[in-house]
Amino acid sequence: MGVQKAAWGLTGQELRDALVHAFAEKQRWAARCLELVREVDGQNLAHDHGATSTTAWLNAVLQVTPTEARKMIATAAALDHPCAVTAKALSAGAVNEAQAAVIGRCVTSLAEHGPDKQAEAEQFLLDKAAEHDAHALTVMADRILFVIDPEAAEEHQRKNLDAAEKRAARDRFFTLSPDGTGRTRLTGVLGAEAAAIVRAALEPLCRPTDPHDHRSAGQRRADALTDICALALATGQLPDNRGEKAQVVVTTRFDPTHQNLSEGMLDTGETLSAETVRRLACDARIIPAMLGSPSQPLDLGREQRLFKGPLRRALILRDGGCAFPGCDRPPQMVRRPPHQSLV
């Protein structure tokens, strides 16, 4: 065996050839590792060493994660049977370990279709592995029945779609979780149909408003979600909430000396800056209230808007949208949801 040259001393072509050779060698060793894993599992070596499972044993011996260990065990079993041809290809360096895992997982899942169909699927994916990576093979594997058994594929797809829709309906959720720093984290899961509806509503409002719009894509989506909810509130067609129209409620104090509003508090208990309160008050329904010393309401006035009718139309003609500093809302978005302020 010749002495290997240092990588820095290789030419471009030599580097390429050396890398291809080293990668093929890595796959041969991967095949050997999987062969050993299969034997470890078959002999139940984990039990002899006091481990609860082969997964736990591999985790302790090789320091691989449980997920990686389970994947190794499954791939090793598949390469032993029914994917013996793939095992030979991996040992020869003709496919890589990730590709072999995809092929093994796919062929194993076809057990009910018989060994002939399994062999046909294995050979199809092996042929494609020469030109496609593991991700592309996964896409092909998901539709392998359309290649080896088109009639069964239609029925299989129908059952899978039905199961997926039921699973999506069961697992759907949406939560708003304040983090205590003035921010709220949104998490959730939607089915394909619900996600399509949300996406269709968001996309028109996600586009940059002008060349100077430097918001990130995530920021534009966040703003679009807020705008859609604002539009829904503005319609007045949402169901009542505890006898009240759906609305955002902000409580603030009015300073008669400085003719200004103070910080505001949402009905959720979170605080808004005075600047935000002033912006909301531009198009809110205002209800003046007189409070006693223990903050008990002594008198409530009638709600009123500061800008409405002809005055509002004149402002839209003059400003072309929101005139609040830093806000680029178009006219249709300026009419914010009914922000009811108690002052």
C-alpha atoms as a PDB file:
ATOM      1  CA  MET A   1       0.000   0.000   0.000  1.00  0.00           C
ATOM      2  CA  GLY A   2       1.483   3.327  -1.101  1.00  0.00           C
ATOM      3  CA  VAL A   3       1.966   6.309   1.137  1.00  0.00           C
ATOM      4  CA  GLN A   4      -0.939   8.741   0.892  1.00  0.00           C
ATOM      5  CA  LYS A   5      -0.064  12.270  -0.095  1.00  0.00           C
ATOM      6  CA  ALA A   6      -1.266  15.112   2.105  1.00  0.00           C
ATOM      7  CA  ALA A   7      -4.461  16.725   0.803  1.00  0.00           C
ATOM      8  CA  TRP A   8      -2.753  20.095   0.381  1.00  0.00           C
ATOM      9  CA  GLY A   9      -0.255  18.518  -2.039  1.00  0.00           C
ATOM     10  CA  LEU A  10      -2.868  17.151  -4.457  1.00  0.00           C
ATOM     11  CA  THR A  11      -3.887  18.757  -7.742  1.00  0.00           C
ATOM     12  CA  GLY A  12      -7.531  19.457  -8.580  1.00  0.00           C
ATOM     13  CA  GLN A  13      -8.110  16.128 -10.365  1.00  0.00           C
ATOM     14  CA  GLU A  14      -6.166  14.236  -7.717  1.00  0.00           C
ATOM     15  CA  LEU A  15      -8.292  15.829  -5.002  1.00  0.00           C
ATOM     16  CA  ARG A  16     -11.482  14.797  -6.785  1.00  0.00           C
ATOM     17  CA  ASP A  17     -10.328  11.213  -7.312  1.00  0.00           C
ATOM     18  CA  ALA A  18      -9.056  10.896  -3.745  1.00  0.00           C
ATOM     19  CA  LEU A  19     -12.328  12.219  -2.320  1.00  0.00           C
ATOM     20  CA  VAL A  20     -14.447   9.856  -4.440  1.00  0.00           C
ATOM     21  CA  HIS A  21     -12.264   6.933  -3.368  1.00  0.00           C
ATOM     22  CA  ALA A  22     -12.364   7.916   0.319  1.00  0.00           C
ATOM     23  CA  PHE A  23     -16.134   8.363   0.224  1.00  0.00           C
ATOM     24  CA  ALA A  24     -16.566   4.913  -1.354  1.00  0.00           C
ATOM     25  CA  GLU A  25     -14.361   3.450   1.378  1.00  0.00           C
ATOM     26  CA  LYS A  26     -16.526   5.166   3.976  1.00  0.00           C
ATOM     27  CA  GLN A  27     -19.609   3.446   2.523  1.00  0.00           C
ATOM     28  CA  ARG A  28     -17.861   0.071   2.640  1.00  0.00           C
ATOM     29  CA  TRP A  29     -17.141   0.616   6.316  1.00  0.00           C
ATOM     30  CA  ALA A  30     -20.744   1.745   6.819  1.00  0.00           C
ATOM     31  CA  ALA A  31     -21.900  -1.552   5.298  1.00  0.00           C
ATOM     32  CA  ARG A  32     -19.621  -3.411   7.693  1.00  0.00           C
ATOM     33  CA  CYS A  33     -20.973  -1.461  10.677  1.00  0.00           C
ATOM     34  CA  LEU A  34     -24.559  -2.253   9.683  1.00  0.00           C
ATOM     35  CA  GLU A  35     -23.682  -5.929   9.284  1.00  0.00           C
ATOM     36  CA  LEU A  36     -22.296  -5.922  12.825  1.00  0.00           C
ATOM     37  CA  VAL A  37     -25.330  -4.050  14.171  1.00  0.00           C
ATOM     38  CA  ARG A  38     -27.595  -6.681  12.625  1.00  0.00           C
ATOM     39  CA  GLU A  39     -25.640  -9.424  14.375  1.00  0.00           C
ATOM     40  CA  VAL A  40     -25.638  -7.542  17.686  1.00  0.00           C
ATOM     41  CA  ASP A  41     -29.412  -7.233  17.467  1.00  0.00           C
ATOM     42  CA  GLY A  42     -29.871 -10.831  16.326  1.00  0.00           C
ATOM     43  CA  GLN A  43     -27.810 -12.225  19.198  1.00  0.00           C
ATOM     44  CA  ASN A  44     -29.552  -9.900  21.680  1.00  0.00           C
ATOM     45  CA  LEU A  45     -26.150  -8.755  22.906  1.00  0.00           C
ATOM     46  CA  ALA A  46     -27.773  -5.800  24.662  1.00  0.00           C
ATOM     47  CA  HIS A  47     -29.561  -8.147  27.075  1.00  0.00           C
ATOM     48  CA  ASP A  48     -26.300  -9.944  27.900  1.00  0.00           C
ATOM     49  CA  HIS A  49     -24.748  -6.608  28.881  1.00  0.00           C
ATOM     50  CA  GLY A  50     -27.688  -5.432  30.971  1.00  0.00           C
ATOM     51  CA  ALA A  51     -29.050  -2.911  28.463  1.00  0.00           C
ATOM     52  CA  THR A  52     -32.798  -2.548  28.017  1.00  0.00           C
ATOM     53  CA  SER A  53     -32.601  -2.700  24.211  1.00  0.00           C
ATOM     54  CA  THR A  54     -30.222  -2.676  21.272  1.00  0.00           C
ATOM     55  CA  THR A  55     -31.036   1.021  20.877  1.00  0.00           C
ATOM     56  CA  ALA A  56     -29.930   1.738  24.448  1.00  0.00           C
ATOM     57  CA  TRP A  57     -26.817  -0.429  23.980  1.00  0.00           C
ATOM     58  CA  LEU A  58     -25.751   1.399  20.806  1.00  0.00           C
ATOM     59  CA  ASN A  59     -26.377   4.719  22.538  1.00  0.00           C
ATOM     60  CA  ALA A  60     -24.060   3.709  25.388  1.00  0.00           C
ATOM     61  CA  VAL A  61     -21.343   2.061  23.267  1.00  0.00           C
ATOM     62  CA  LEU A  62     -21.238   4.341  20.215  1.00  0.00           C
ATOM     63  CA  GLN A  63     -22.643   7.559  21.743  1.00  0.00           C
ATOM     64  CA  VAL A  64     -25.162   7.832  18.909  1.00  0.00           C
ATOM     65  CA  THR A  65     -28.574   9.307  19.634  1.00  0.00           C
ATOM     66  CA  PRO A  66     -31.510   6.924  20.155  1.00  0.00           C
ATOM     67  CA  THR A  67     -32.952   8.145  16.843  1.00  0.00           C
ATOM     68  CA  GLU A  68     -29.705   7.345  15.026  1.00  0.00           C
ATOM     69  CA  ALA A  69     -29.512   3.964  16.760  1.00  0.00           C
ATOM     70  CA  ARG A  70     -33.051   3.008  15.732  1.00  0.00           C
ATOM     71  CA  LYS A  71     -32.296   4.039  12.148  1.00  0.00           C
ATOM     72  CA  MET A  72     -29.143   1.891  12.133  1.00  0.00           C
ATOM     73  CA  ILE A  73     -31.066  -1.125  13.441  1.00  0.00           C
ATOM     74  CA  ALA A  74     -33.855  -0.723  10.881  1.00  0.00           C
ATOM     75  CA  THR A  75     -31.430  -0.245   7.974  1.00  0.00           C
ATOM     76  CA  ALA A  76     -29.306  -3.200   9.089  1.00  0.00           C
ATOM     77  CA  ALA A  77     -32.376  -5.444   9.224  1.00  0.00           C
ATOM     78  CA  ALA A  78     -33.556  -4.297   5.789  1.00  0.00           C
ATOM     79  CA  LEU A  79     -30.147  -4.874   4.186  1.00  0.00           C
ATOM     80  CA  ASP A  80     -30.102  -8.392   5.621  1.00  0.00           C
ATOM     81  CA  HIS A  81     -33.539  -9.032   4.104  1.00  0.00           C
ATOM     82  CA  PRO A  82     -35.215  -8.085   1.778  1.00  0.00           C
ATOM     83  CA  CYS A  83     -32.552  -5.689   0.423  1.00  0.00           C
ATOM     84  CA  ALA A  84     -29.555  -7.971  -0.043  1.00  0.00           C
ATOM     85  CA  VAL A  85     -28.790  -6.387  -3.429  1.00  0.00           C
ATOM     86  CA  THR A  86     -28.639  -2.950  -1.817  1.00  0.00           C
ATOM     87  CA  ALA A  87     -26.314  -4.332   0.864  1.00  0.00           C
ATOM     88  CA  LYS A  88     -23.892  -5.481  -1.841  1.00  0.00           C
ATOM     89  CA  ALA A  89     -24.126  -2.085  -3.562  1.00  0.00           C
ATOM     90  CA  LEU A  90     -23.304  -0.327  -0.289  1.00  0.00           C
ATOM     91  CA  SER A  91     -20.354  -2.658   0.332  1.00  0.00           C
ATOM     92  CA  ALA A  92     -19.078  -1.825  -3.155  1.00  0.00           C
ATOM     93  CA  GLY A  93     -19.468   1.904  -2.557  1.00  0.00           C
ATOM     94  CA  ALA A  94     -22.036   2.141  -5.377  1.00  0.00           C
ATOM     95  CA  VAL A  95     -24.624   3.767  -3.076  1.00  0.00           C
ATOM     96  CA  ASN A  96     -24.162   5.725   0.129  1.00  0.00           C
ATOM     97  CA  GLU A  97     -25.554   4.930   3.556  1.00  0.00           C
ATOM     98  CA  ALA A  98     -28.334   7.532   3.364  1.00  0.00           C
ATOM     99  CA  GLN A  99     -29.515   6.160   0.015  1.00  0.00           C
ATOM    100  CA  ALA A 100     -29.391   2.596   1.351  1.00  0.00           C
ATOM    101  CA  ALA A 101     -31.523   3.636   4.335  1.00  0.00           C
ATOM    102  CA  VAL A 102     -34.181   5.099   2.020  1.00  0.00           C
ATOM    103  CA  ILE A 103     -34.238   1.999  -0.169  1.00  0.00           C
ATOM    104  CA  GLY A 104     -34.382  -0.319   2.831  1.00  0.00           C
ATOM    105  CA  ARG A 105     -37.225   1.610   4.446  1.00  0.00           C
ATOM    106  CA  CYS A 106     -39.222   1.691   1.200  1.00  0.00           C
ATOM    107  CA  VAL A 107     -38.774  -1.964   0.240  1.00  0.00           C
ATOM    108  CA  THR A 108     -39.547  -3.175   3.768  1.00  0.00           C
ATOM    109  CA  SER A 109     -42.840  -1.258   3.702  1.00  0.00           C
ATOM    110  CA  LEU A 110     -43.907  -3.211   0.592  1.00  0.00           C
ATOM    111  CA  ALA A 111     -44.001  -6.614   2.308  1.00  0.00           C
ATOM    112  CA  GLU A 112     -47.734  -7.065   1.661  1.00  0.00           C
ATOM    113  CA  HIS A 113     -47.138  -6.774  -2.090  1.00  0.00           C
ATOM    114  CA  GLY A 114     -44.874  -9.821  -2.202  1.00  0.00           C
ATOM    115  CA  PRO A 115     -41.161 -10.449  -2.839  1.00  0.00           C
ATOM    116  CA  ASP A 116     -41.364  -9.908  -6.609  1.00  0.00           C
ATOM    117  CA  LYS A 117     -42.727  -6.372  -6.213  1.00  0.00           C
ATOM    118  CA  GLN A 118     -40.179  -5.686  -3.476  1.00  0.00           C
ATOM    119  CA  ALA A 119     -37.346  -6.772  -5.765  1.00  0.00           C
ATOM    120  CA  GLU A 120     -38.729  -4.614  -8.583  1.00  0.00           C
ATOM    121  CA  ALA A 121     -38.895  -1.578  -6.286  1.00  0.00           C
ATOM    122  CA  GLU A 122     -35.381  -2.190  -4.965  1.00  0.00           C
ATOM    123  CA  GLN A 123     -33.880  -2.388  -8.446  1.00  0.00           C
ATOM    124  CA  PHE A 124     -35.753   0.728  -9.592  1.00  0.00           C
ATOM    125  CA  LEU A 125     -34.420   2.768  -6.668  1.00  0.00           C
ATOM    126  CA  LEU A 126     -30.900   1.366  -7.048  1.00  0.00           C
ATOM    127  CA  ASP A 127     -30.873   2.465 -10.681  1.00  0.00           C
ATOM    128  CA  LYS A 128     -32.042   5.954  -9.696  1.00  0.00           C
ATOM    129  CA  ALA A 129     -29.465   6.181  -6.889  1.00  0.00           C
ATOM    130  CA  ALA A 130     -26.717   6.572  -9.485  1.00  0.00           C
ATOM    131  CA  GLU A 131     -28.053  10.039 -10.335  1.00  0.00           C
ATOM    132  CA  HIS A 132     -30.156  11.138  -7.356  1.00  0.00           C
ATOM    133  CA  ASP A 133     -29.433  11.843  -3.690  1.00  0.00           C
ATOM    134  CA  ALA A 134     -31.291  10.424  -0.693  1.00  0.00           C
ATOM    135  CA  HIS A 135     -33.820  13.269  -0.636  1.00  0.00           C
ATOM    136  CA  ALA A 136     -34.802  12.716  -4.269  1.00  0.00           C
ATOM    137  CA  LEU A 137     -34.948   8.962  -3.656  1.00  0.00           C
ATOM    138  CA  THR A 138     -37.338   9.582  -0.758  1.00  0.00           C
ATOM    139  CA  VAL A 139     -39.713  11.415  -3.098  1.00  0.00           C
ATOM    140  CA  MET A 140     -39.533   8.517  -5.559  1.00  0.00           C
ATOM    141  CA  ALA A 141     -39.983   5.976  -2.763  1.00  0.00           C
ATOM    142  CA  ASP A 142     -43.161   7.713  -1.632  1.00  0.00           C
ATOM    143  CA  ARG A 143     -44.634   7.073  -5.099  1.00  0.00           C
ATOM    144  CA  ILE A 144     -43.020   3.717  -5.817  1.00  0.00           C
ATOM    145  CA  LEU A 145     -46.365   1.923  -6.024  1.00  0.00           C
ATOM    146  CA  PHE A 146     -47.230   3.945  -9.121  1.00  0.00           C
ATOM    147  CA  VAL A 147     -44.188   2.301 -10.732  1.00  0.00           C
ATOM    148  CA  ILE A 148     -44.597  -1.305  -9.601  1.00  0.00           C
ATOM    149  CA  ASP A 149     -48.384  -1.574  -9.097  1.00  0.00           C
ATOM    150  CA  PRO A 150     -50.408   1.399 -10.421  1.00  0.00           C
ATOM    151  CA  GLU A 151     -53.811  -0.068  -9.505  1.00  0.00           C
ATOM    152  CA  ALA A 152     -52.813  -0.690  -5.913  1.00  0.00           C
ATOM    153  CA  ALA A 153     -51.228   2.765  -5.819  1.00  0.00           C
ATOM    154  CA  GLU A 154     -54.553   4.545  -6.368  1.00  0.00           C
ATOM    155  CA  GLU A 155     -56.205   2.708  -3.486  1.00  0.00           C
ATOM    156  CA  HIS A 156     -53.132   3.145  -1.288  1.00  0.00           C
ATOM    157  CA  GLN A 157     -53.057   6.884  -1.984  1.00  0.00           C
ATOM    158  CA  ARG A 158     -56.748   7.235  -1.176  1.00  0.00           C
ATOM    159  CA  LYS A 159     -56.305   5.478   2.166  1.00  0.00           C
ATOM    160  CA  ASN A 160     -53.217   7.529   2.969  1.00  0.00           C
ATOM    161  CA  LEU A 161     -54.996  10.799   2.178  1.00  0.00           C
ATOM    162  CA  ASP A 162     -57.977   9.841   4.323  1.00  0.00           C
ATOM    163  CA  ALA A 163     -55.674   8.901   7.196  1.00  0.00           C
ATOM    164  CA  ALA A 164     -53.636  12.095   6.794  1.00  0.00           C
ATOM    165  CA  GLU A 165     -56.747  14.302   6.862  1.00  0.00           C
ATOM    166  CA  LYS A 166     -58.077  12.571   9.966  1.00  0.00           C
ATOM    167  CA  ARG A 167     -54.677  12.881  11.636  1.00  0.00           C
ATOM    168  CA  ALA A 168     -54.475  16.574  10.737  1.00  0.00           C
ATOM    169  CA  ALA A 169     -57.971  17.198  12.104  1.00  0.00           C
ATOM    170  CA  ARG A 170     -57.106  15.382  15.314  1.00  0.00           C
ATOM    171  CA  ASP A 171     -53.751  17.097  15.862  1.00  0.00           C
ATOM    172  CA  ARG A 172     -54.726  20.666  14.908  1.00  0.00           C
ATOM    173  CA  PHE A 173     -54.053  23.348  17.517  1.00  0.00           C
ATOM    174  CA  PHE A 174     -53.079  26.983  17.892  1.00  0.00           C
ATOM    175  CA  THR A 175     -51.721  28.744  20.966  1.00  0.00           C
ATOM    176  CA  LEU A 176     -50.645  32.263  21.932  1.00  0.00           C
ATOM    177  CA  SER A 177     -48.047  32.216  24.712  1.00  0.00           C
ATOM    178  CA  PRO A 178     -46.887  35.552  26.198  1.00  0.00           C
ATOM    179  CA  ASP A 179     -43.225  35.298  27.208  1.00  0.00           C
ATOM    180  CA  GLY A 180     -43.324  38.089  29.784  1.00  0.00           C
ATOM    181  CA  THR A 181     -41.117  40.427  27.737  1.00  0.00           C
ATOM    182  CA  GLY A 182     -43.794  42.124  25.650  1.00  0.00           C
ATOM    183  CA  ARG A 183     -43.731  39.386  23.035  1.00  0.00           C
ATOM    184  CA  THR A 184     -46.038  36.456  22.346  1.00  0.00           C
ATOM    185  CA  ARG A 185     -44.998  33.190  20.735  1.00  0.00           C
ATOM    186  CA  LEU A 186     -47.396  31.593  18.245  1.00  0.00           C
ATOM    187  CA  THR A 187     -47.335  27.822  17.794  1.00  0.00           C
ATOM    188  CA  GLY A 188     -49.679  25.482  16.035  1.00  0.00           C
ATOM    189  CA  VAL A 189     -50.407  22.742  13.528  1.00  0.00           C
ATOM    190  CA  LEU A 190     -52.871  22.994  10.638  1.00  0.00           C
ATOM    191  CA  GLY A 191     -54.107  20.505   8.100  1.00  0.00           C
ATOM    192  CA  ALA A 192     -53.426  20.997   4.390  1.00  0.00           C
ATOM    193  CA  GLU A 193     -56.797  22.641   3.689  1.00  0.00           C
ATOM    194  CA  ALA A 194     -56.649  25.021   6.659  1.00  0.00           C
ATOM    195  CA  ALA A 195     -53.033  25.923   5.870  1.00  0.00           C
ATOM    196  CA  ALA A 196     -53.988  26.691   2.269  1.00  0.00           C
ATOM    197  CA  ILE A 197     -56.720  29.070   3.470  1.00  0.00           C
ATOM    198  CA  VAL A 198     -54.336  30.863   5.838  1.00  0.00           C
ATOM    199  CA  ARG A 199     -51.628  31.054   3.169  1.00  0.00           C
ATOM    200  CA  ALA A 200     -54.059  32.443   0.587  1.00  0.00           C
ATOM    201  CA  ALA A 201     -55.119  35.159   3.038  1.00  0.00           C
ATOM    202  CA  LEU A 202     -51.558  36.039   4.072  1.00  0.00           C
ATOM    203  CA  GLU A 203     -49.789  36.106   0.712  1.00  0.00           C
ATOM    204  CA  PRO A 204     -51.418  39.259  -0.732  1.00  0.00           C
ATOM    205  CA  LEU A 205     -50.337  41.185   2.375  1.00  0.00           C
ATOM    206  CA  CYS A 206     -46.846  39.640   2.551  1.00  0.00           C
ATOM    207  CA  ARG A 207     -45.424  41.387  -0.485  1.00  0.00           C
ATOM    208  CA  PRO A 208     -42.999  44.282   0.111  1.00  0.00           C
ATOM    209  CA  THR A 209     -44.925  47.545   0.017  1.00  0.00           C
ATOM    210  CA  ASP A 210     -42.170  49.466  -1.817  1.00  0.00           C
ATOM    211  CA  PRO A 211     -38.439  49.264  -2.653  1.00  0.00           C
ATOM    212  CA  HIS A 212     -37.633  50.719   0.765  1.00  0.00           C
ATOM    213  CA  ASP A 213     -39.529  47.992   2.633  1.00  0.00           C
ATOM    214  CA  HIS A 214     -36.694  46.294   4.524  1.00  0.00           C
ATOM    215  CA  ARG A 215     -38.833  43.930   6.589  1.00  0.00           C
ATOM    216  CA  SER A 216     -37.778  40.283   6.550  1.00  0.00           C
ATOM    217  CA  ALA A 217     -40.115  37.658   5.102  1.00  0.00           C
ATOM    218  CA  GLY A 218     -40.977  36.558   8.627  1.00  0.00           C
ATOM    219  CA  GLN A 219     -41.759  40.117   9.682  1.00  0.00           C
ATOM    220  CA  ARG A 220     -44.011  40.611   6.656  1.00  0.00           C
ATOM    221  CA  ARG A 221     -45.914  37.422   7.498  1.00  0.00           C
ATOM    222  CA  ALA A 222     -46.331  38.551  11.107  1.00  0.00           C
ATOM    223  CA  ASP A 223     -47.647  41.944   9.966  1.00  0.00           C
ATOM    224  CA  ALA A 224     -49.957  40.268   7.441  1.00  0.00           C
ATOM    225  CA  LEU A 225     -51.487  38.065  10.137  1.00  0.00           C
ATOM    226  CA  THR A 226     -52.114  41.112  12.319  1.00  0.00           C
ATOM    227  CA  ASP A 227     -53.635  43.022   9.393  1.00  0.00           C
ATOM    228  CA  ILE A 228     -55.991  40.162   8.515  1.00  0.00           C
ATOM    229  CA  CYS A 229     -57.234  39.984  12.094  1.00  0.00           C
ATOM    230  CA  ALA A 230     -57.642  43.780  12.107  1.00  0.00           C
ATOM    231  CA  LEU A 231     -59.730  43.610   8.943  1.00  0.00           C
ATOM    232  CA  ALA A 232     -61.883  40.848  10.436  1.00  0.00           C
ATOM    233  CA  LEU A 233     -62.495  42.937  13.561  1.00  0.00           C
ATOM    234  CA  ALA A 234     -63.330  45.984  11.461  1.00  0.00           C
ATOM    235  CA  THR A 235     -66.151  44.155   9.655  1.00  0.00           C
ATOM    236  CA  GLY A 236     -68.176  43.955  12.856  1.00  0.00           C
ATOM    237  CA  GLN A 237     -69.386  40.527  11.743  1.00  0.00           C
ATOM    238  CA  LEU A 238     -67.505  38.414  14.281  1.00  0.00           C
ATOM    239  CA  PRO A 239     -69.564  36.703  17.009  1.00  0.00           C
ATOM    240  CA  ASP A 240     -70.060  38.591  20.254  1.00  0.00           C
ATOM    241  CA  ASN A 241     -67.554  37.946  23.025  1.00  0.00           C
ATOM    242  CA  ARG A 242     -69.251  37.822  26.433  1.00  0.00           C
ATOM    243  CA  GLY A 243     -71.929  40.193  25.217  1.00  0.00           C
ATOM    244  CA  GLU A 244     -69.440  42.610  23.653  1.00  0.00           C
ATOM    245  CA  LYS A 245     -68.486  43.042  20.037  1.00  0.00           C
ATOM    246  CA  ALA A 246     -65.085  41.560  19.241  1.00  0.00           C
ATOM    247  CA  GLN A 247     -62.601  44.306  19.953  1.00  0.00           C
ATOM    248  CA  VAL A 248     -59.198  45.176  21.341  1.00  0.00           C
ATOM    249  CA  VAL A 249     -59.569  46.978  24.675  1.00  0.00           C
ATOM    250  CA  VAL A 250     -56.899  49.397  25.904  1.00  0.00           C
ATOM    251  CA  THR A 251     -57.171  51.281  29.197  1.00  0.00           C
ATOM    252  CA  THR A 252     -55.095  54.447  29.544  1.00  0.00           C
ATOM    253  CA  ARG A 253     -54.962  57.678  31.561  1.00  0.00           C
ATOM    254  CA  PHE A 254     -55.346  61.146  30.105  1.00  0.00           C
ATOM    255  CA  ASP A 255     -53.044  63.846  31.458  1.00  0.00           C
ATOM    256  CA  PRO A 256     -55.027  67.134  31.241  1.00  0.00           C
ATOM    257  CA  THR A 257     -51.939  69.187  32.065  1.00  0.00           C
ATOM    258  CA  HIS A 258     -49.905  67.963  29.109  1.00  0.00           C
ATOM    259  CA  GLN A 259     -52.949  67.006  26.996  1.00  0.00           C
ATOM    260  CA  ASN A 260     -51.464  63.569  26.456  1.00  0.00           C
ATOM    261  CA  LEU A 261     -52.151  59.866  26.965  1.00  0.00           C
ATOM    262  CA  SER A 262     -50.094  57.664  29.263  1.00  0.00           C
ATOM    263  CA  GLU A 263     -49.041  54.048  28.820  1.00  0.00           C
ATOM    264  CA  GLY A 264     -51.954  51.712  28.203  1.00  0.00           C
ATOM    265  CA  MET A 265     -52.959  48.313  29.488  1.00  0.00           C
ATOM    266  CA  LEU A 266     -54.594  45.621  27.375  1.00  0.00           C
ATOM    267  CA  ASP A 267     -57.393  43.563  28.845  1.00  0.00           C
ATOM    268  CA  THR A 268     -54.884  40.691  28.910  1.00  0.00           C
ATOM    269  CA  GLY A 269     -52.830  42.627  31.473  1.00  0.00           C
ATOM    270  CA  GLU A 270     -49.973  43.476  29.108  1.00  0.00           C
ATOM    271  CA  THR A 271     -48.680  47.043  28.865  1.00  0.00           C
ATOM    272  CA  LEU A 272     -48.389  49.183  25.724  1.00  0.00           C
ATOM    273  CA  SER A 273     -46.162  52.218  25.300  1.00  0.00           C
ATOM    274  CA  ALA A 274     -47.685  55.701  25.231  1.00  0.00           C
ATOM    275  CA  GLU A 275     -46.675  56.026  21.563  1.00  0.00           C
ATOM    276  CA  THR A 276     -48.611  52.869  20.673  1.00  0.00           C
ATOM    277  CA  VAL A 277     -51.623  54.082  22.646  1.00  0.00           C
ATOM    278  CA  ARG A 278     -51.588  57.403  20.753  1.00  0.00           C
ATOM    279  CA  ARG A 279     -51.460  55.557  17.430  1.00  0.00           C
ATOM    280  CA  LEU A 280     -54.366  53.307  18.390  1.00  0.00           C
ATOM    281  CA  ALA A 281     -56.371  56.273  19.640  1.00  0.00           C
ATOM    282  CA  CYS A 282     -56.173  57.883  16.191  1.00  0.00           C
ATOM    283  CA  ASP A 283     -58.939  55.594  14.958  1.00  0.00           C
ATOM    284  CA  ALA A 284     -60.433  54.122  18.112  1.00  0.00           C
ATOM    285  CA  ARG A 285     -63.848  54.337  19.660  1.00  0.00           C
ATOM    286  CA  ILE A 286     -63.196  56.382  22.791  1.00  0.00           C
ATOM    287  CA  ILE A 287     -65.230  55.950  25.973  1.00  0.00           C
ATOM    288  CA  PRO A 288     -64.352  58.574  28.592  1.00  0.00           C
ATOM    289  CA  ALA A 289     -64.597  57.379  32.183  1.00  0.00           C
ATOM    290  CA  MET A 290     -64.292  59.127  35.547  1.00  0.00           C
ATOM    291  CA  LEU A 291     -62.608  56.958  38.159  1.00  0.00           C
ATOM    292  CA  GLY A 292     -62.672  57.349  41.914  1.00  0.00           C
ATOM    293  CA  SER A 293     -59.591  57.049  44.110  1.00  0.00           C
ATOM    294  CA  PRO A 294     -59.775  53.232  44.306  1.00  0.00           C
ATOM    295  CA  SER A 295     -59.990  53.170  40.475  1.00  0.00           C
ATOM    296  CA  GLN A 296     -63.716  52.464  40.614  1.00  0.00           C
ATOM    297  CA  PRO A 297     -65.735  53.800  37.635  1.00  0.00           C
ATOM    298  CA  LEU A 298     -67.899  56.737  38.744  1.00  0.00           C
ATOM    299  CA  ASP A 299     -69.211  57.724  35.326  1.00  0.00           C
ATOM    300  CA  LEU A 300     -68.968  56.378  31.767  1.00  0.00           C
ATOM    301  CA  GLY A 301     -69.531  58.652  28.801  1.00  0.00           C
ATOM    302  CA  ARG A 302     -70.680  57.764  25.308  1.00  0.00           C
ATOM    303  CA  GLU A 303     -68.252  56.202  22.886  1.00  0.00           C
ATOM    304  CA  GLN A 304     -67.101  58.415  20.038  1.00  0.00           C
ATOM    305  CA  ARG A 305     -64.605  58.330  17.178  1.00  0.00           C
ATOM    306  CA  LEU A 306     -62.127  61.146  16.737  1.00  0.00           C
ATOM    307  CA  PHE A 307     -62.195  60.896  12.951  1.00  0.00           C
ATOM    308  CA  LYS A 308     -65.254  59.816  10.988  1.00  0.00           C
ATOM    309  CA  GLY A 309     -67.378  60.613   7.951  1.00  0.00           C
ATOM    310  CA  PRO A 310     -66.248  63.551   5.757  1.00  0.00           C
ATOM    311  CA  LEU A 311     -63.305  64.339   8.025  1.00  0.00           C
ATOM    312  CA  ARG A 312     -62.017  60.810   7.666  1.00  0.00           C
ATOM    313  CA  ARG A 313     -62.370  60.888   3.873  1.00  0.00           C
ATOM    314  CA  ALA A 314     -60.525  64.210   3.772  1.00  0.00           C
ATOM    315  CA  LEU A 315     -57.666  62.755   5.799  1.00  0.00           C
ATOM    316  CA  ILE A 316     -57.393  59.799   3.412  1.00  0.00           C
ATOM    317  CA  LEU A 317     -57.284  62.165   0.431  1.00  0.00           C
ATOM    318  CA  ARG A 318     -54.650  64.276   2.133  1.00  0.00           C
ATOM    319  CA  ASP A 319     -52.383  61.537   3.498  1.00  0.00           C
ATOM    320  CA  GLY A 320     -53.074  58.577   1.200  1.00  0.00           C
ATOM    321  CA  GLY A 321     -52.893  56.245   4.191  1.00  0.00           C
ATOM    322  CA  CYS A 322     -51.678  56.231   7.759  1.00  0.00           C
ATOM    323  CA  ALA A 323     -49.790  59.408   8.675  1.00  0.00           C
ATOM    324  CA  PHE A 324     -48.381  58.030  11.928  1.00  0.00           C
ATOM    325  CA  PRO A 325     -44.547  58.234  11.899  1.00  0.00           C
ATOM    326  CA  GLY A 326     -43.021  55.046  10.517  1.00  0.00           C
ATOM    327  CA  CYS A 327     -46.354  53.528   9.432  1.00  0.00           C
ATOM    328  CA  ASP A 328     -46.973  52.781   5.747  1.00  0.00           C
ATOM    329  CA  ARG A 329     -50.485  51.319   5.993  1.00  0.00           C
ATOM    330  CA  PRO A 330     -52.668  51.940   2.923  1.00  0.00           C
ATOM    331  CA  PRO A 331     -56.074  53.632   3.402  1.00  0.00           C
ATOM    332  CA  GLN A 332     -58.032  50.383   3.685  1.00  0.00           C
ATOM    333  CA  MET A 333     -55.779  49.300   6.553  1.00  0.00           C
ATOM    334  CA  VAL A 334     -55.882  52.599   8.428  1.00  0.00           C
ATOM    335  CA  ARG A 335     -59.271  51.841   9.868  1.00  0.00           C
ATOM    336  CA  ARG A 336     -58.007  49.729  12.673  1.00  0.00           C
ATOM    337  CA  PRO A 337     -60.211  47.378  14.672  1.00  0.00           C
ATOM    338  CA  PRO A 338     -62.435  48.966  17.322  1.00  0.00           C
ATOM    339  CA  HIS A 339     -59.810  49.907  19.920  1.00  0.00           C
ATOM    340  CA  GLN A 340     -61.938  50.829  22.887  1.00  0.00           C
ATOM    341  CA  SER A 341     -59.975  53.137  25.187  1.00  0.00           C
ATOM    342  CA  LEU A 342     -61.062  54.047  28.684  1.00  0.00           C
ATOM    343  CA  VAL A 343     -59.650  57.481  29.537  1.00  0.00           C
END
